[in-house]
Structure formats: C-alpha cells, structure tokens
Amino acid sequence: MQANYGYSDGSGDYFIILDTDLCNGCGDCVTACPEHVFEVAPDDYGKKVAAVKESVTSRISYVCPGFKPCSANIESTCHTVCKVNAISHTW
C-alpha cells in the first residue's frame, strides 16, 4: 500500500509517498532526515513502518526541501538510506 503524506495547491503537488509494503520499519529515514519529518509507527495492521509526522503533513513543502535540493546539500538523505526504496517525493 502507498501512503501519501502532503497536499496539492496552486503551486504544485507536495507529497511524500511511502510504500508500506516495502518498508521494513528500520528507522534509517528518521535519523537521516535533517528536518525530522519521519517517525516509525504501527500501521493499520500493527506492522511498524515509516510515516510522516502528522504535525508536518499540512506544511510538508515548507519543512522538507524535497529530494533533489536535499541531496545537493546532504550526503545521506531519506532516499539514499532506504535500502528497500520505499520513499519518494513528488517535488
């Protein structure tokens, strides 16, 4: 299942997509994210998976710079540390 965290507005689509079928709940994205966007929490079935914190979902484009800008400044990003490729961004 894909969990979409974010929103669309007049300037674009701002979603972090987490594939919960692929996610193993390792938490590497939590420690890699400089903006502290992620947490590990149980899904609807009790499996621990990565999730975007509810407190940042409605302002995700202001908190998270997105994959390309983040990777230009930081060596280890949520994408690079996720060994199962469960994370993607729409911007």
C-alpha atoms as a PDB file:
ATOM      1  CA  MET A   1       0.000   0.000   0.000  1.00  0.00           C
ATOM      2  CA  GLN A   2       1.204   3.507  -0.712  1.00  0.00           C
ATOM      3  CA  ALA A   3       0.663   6.150   1.937  1.00  0.00           C
ATOM      4  CA  ASN A   4       0.618   9.717   0.594  1.00  0.00           C
ATOM      5  CA  TYR A   5       1.518  12.494   3.010  1.00  0.00           C
ATOM      6  CA  GLY A   6       1.096  16.082   1.888  1.00  0.00           C
ATOM      7  CA  TYR A   7      -1.164  18.201  -0.255  1.00  0.00           C
ATOM      8  CA  SER A   8      -1.805  19.857  -3.618  1.00  0.00           C
ATOM      9  CA  ASP A   9      -2.194  23.572  -4.025  1.00  0.00           C
ATOM     10  CA  GLY A  10      -1.960  26.147  -6.815  1.00  0.00           C
ATOM     11  CA  SER A  11       1.817  25.851  -6.943  1.00  0.00           C
ATOM     12  CA  GLY A  12       2.006  22.054  -7.260  1.00  0.00           C
ATOM     13  CA  ASP A  13       1.788  18.651  -5.643  1.00  0.00           C
ATOM     14  CA  TYR A  14       3.749  18.144  -2.454  1.00  0.00           C
ATOM     15  CA  PHE A  15       3.563  14.536  -1.324  1.00  0.00           C
ATOM     16  CA  ILE A  16       5.981  12.155   0.307  1.00  0.00           C
ATOM     17  CA  ILE A  17       4.928   8.673  -0.721  1.00  0.00           C
ATOM     18  CA  LEU A  18       5.826   5.724   1.497  1.00  0.00           C
ATOM     19  CA  ASP A  19       5.318   2.208   0.207  1.00  0.00           C
ATOM     20  CA  THR A  20       4.319   0.423   3.399  1.00  0.00           C
ATOM     21  CA  ASP A  21       4.537  -2.978   1.696  1.00  0.00           C
ATOM     22  CA  LEU A  22       8.254  -2.380   1.097  1.00  0.00           C
ATOM     23  CA  CYS A  23       9.071  -0.523   4.329  1.00  0.00           C
ATOM     24  CA  ASN A  24      10.661  -2.711   6.992  1.00  0.00           C
ATOM     25  CA  GLY A  25      10.437  -0.129   9.789  1.00  0.00           C
ATOM     26  CA  CYS A  26      14.220   0.149  10.187  1.00  0.00           C
ATOM     27  CA  GLY A  27      14.016   3.876  11.031  1.00  0.00           C
ATOM     28  CA  ASP A  28      17.025   4.898   8.945  1.00  0.00           C
ATOM     29  CA  CYS A  29      14.951   7.652   7.314  1.00  0.00           C
ATOM     30  CA  VAL A  30      14.130   9.053  10.750  1.00  0.00           C
ATOM     31  CA  THR A  31      17.780   9.600  11.602  1.00  0.00           C
ATOM     32  CA  ALA A  32      18.782  10.724   8.095  1.00  0.00           C
ATOM     33  CA  CYS A  33      16.164  13.480   7.744  1.00  0.00           C
ATOM     34  CA  PRO A  34      17.617  16.820   8.901  1.00  0.00           C
ATOM     35  CA  GLU A  35      14.109  18.267   9.190  1.00  0.00           C
ATOM     36  CA  HIS A  36      12.791  15.445  11.430  1.00  0.00           C
ATOM     37  CA  VAL A  37       9.870  14.704   9.096  1.00  0.00           C
ATOM     38  CA  PHE A  38       9.665  10.951   9.704  1.00  0.00           C
ATOM     39  CA  GLU A  39       8.706   8.667  12.545  1.00  0.00           C
ATOM     40  CA  VAL A  40       8.235   4.901  12.849  1.00  0.00           C
ATOM     41  CA  ALA A  41       4.751   3.929  13.937  1.00  0.00           C
ATOM     42  CA  PRO A  42       2.417   0.944  13.647  1.00  0.00           C
ATOM     43  CA  ASP A  43       0.242   0.892  10.542  1.00  0.00           C
ATOM     44  CA  ASP A  44      -3.403  -0.209  10.490  1.00  0.00           C
ATOM     45  CA  TYR A  45      -2.265  -3.831  10.753  1.00  0.00           C
ATOM     46  CA  GLY A  46       0.218  -3.340  13.592  1.00  0.00           C
ATOM     47  CA  LYS A  47       3.350  -3.508  11.400  1.00  0.00           C
ATOM     48  CA  LYS A  48       5.939  -0.843  12.282  1.00  0.00           C
ATOM     49  CA  VAL A  49       6.586   1.351   9.247  1.00  0.00           C
ATOM     50  CA  ALA A  50       7.902   4.806   8.475  1.00  0.00           C
ATOM     51  CA  ALA A  51       5.371   7.625   8.417  1.00  0.00           C
ATOM     52  CA  VAL A  52       5.442  11.386   8.051  1.00  0.00           C
ATOM     53  CA  LYS A  53       4.689  13.101  11.334  1.00  0.00           C
ATOM     54  CA  GLU A  54       1.136  14.401  11.393  1.00  0.00           C
ATOM     55  CA  SER A  55       2.360  17.772  12.670  1.00  0.00           C
ATOM     56  CA  VAL A  56       4.226  18.464   9.392  1.00  0.00           C
ATOM     57  CA  THR A  57       1.886  16.924   6.809  1.00  0.00           C
ATOM     58  CA  SER A  58      -0.081  20.114   6.117  1.00  0.00           C
ATOM     59  CA  ARG A  59       3.112  22.155   5.616  1.00  0.00           C
ATOM     60  CA  ILE A  60       5.370  19.497   4.126  1.00  0.00           C
ATOM     61  CA  SER A  61       6.733  21.644   1.279  1.00  0.00           C
ATOM     62  CA  TYR A  62       7.897  24.266   3.788  1.00  0.00           C
ATOM     63  CA  VAL A  63       9.537  21.738   6.117  1.00  0.00           C
ATOM     64  CA  CYS A  64      11.063  19.291   3.611  1.00  0.00           C
ATOM     65  CA  PRO A  65      13.106  20.736   0.734  1.00  0.00           C
ATOM     66  CA  GLY A  66      12.356  17.681  -1.434  1.00  0.00           C
ATOM     67  CA  PHE A  67      14.726  15.024  -2.676  1.00  0.00           C
ATOM     68  CA  LYS A  68      16.861  16.935  -5.204  1.00  0.00           C
ATOM     69  CA  PRO A  69      17.574  20.037  -3.089  1.00  0.00           C
ATOM     70  CA  CYS A  70      18.197  17.925  -0.003  1.00  0.00           C
ATOM     71  CA  SER A  71      20.582  15.566  -1.800  1.00  0.00           C
ATOM     72  CA  ALA A  72      22.531  18.539  -3.172  1.00  0.00           C
ATOM     73  CA  ASN A  73      23.404  19.605   0.378  1.00  0.00           C
ATOM     74  CA  ILE A  74      23.387  16.360   2.372  1.00  0.00           C
ATOM     75  CA  GLU A  75      25.191  13.124   1.645  1.00  0.00           C
ATOM     76  CA  SER A  76      22.703  10.779   3.355  1.00  0.00           C
ATOM     77  CA  THR A  77      19.050  11.522   2.616  1.00  0.00           C
ATOM     78  CA  CYS A  78      15.899   9.533   3.284  1.00  0.00           C
ATOM     79  CA  HIS A  79      16.171   8.151  -0.259  1.00  0.00           C
ATOM     80  CA  THR A  80      19.790   7.072  -0.018  1.00  0.00           C
ATOM     81  CA  VAL A  81      19.433   5.344   3.358  1.00  0.00           C
ATOM     82  CA  CYS A  82      16.244   3.474   2.462  1.00  0.00           C
ATOM     83  CA  LYS A  83      17.592   0.113   1.337  1.00  0.00           C
ATOM     84  CA  VAL A  84      14.180  -1.043   0.068  1.00  0.00           C
ATOM     85  CA  ASN A  85      13.346   2.153  -1.929  1.00  0.00           C
ATOM     86  CA  ALA A  86      10.097   2.721  -0.061  1.00  0.00           C
ATOM     87  CA  ILE A  87      10.273   6.562  -0.137  1.00  0.00           C
ATOM     88  CA  SER A  88       9.577   9.003  -2.958  1.00  0.00           C
ATOM     89  CA  HIS A  89       8.721  12.695  -3.318  1.00  0.00           C
ATOM     90  CA  THR A  90       6.518  14.390  -5.913  1.00  0.00           C
ATOM     91  CA  TRP A  91       8.655  17.546  -5.964  1.00  0.00           C
END
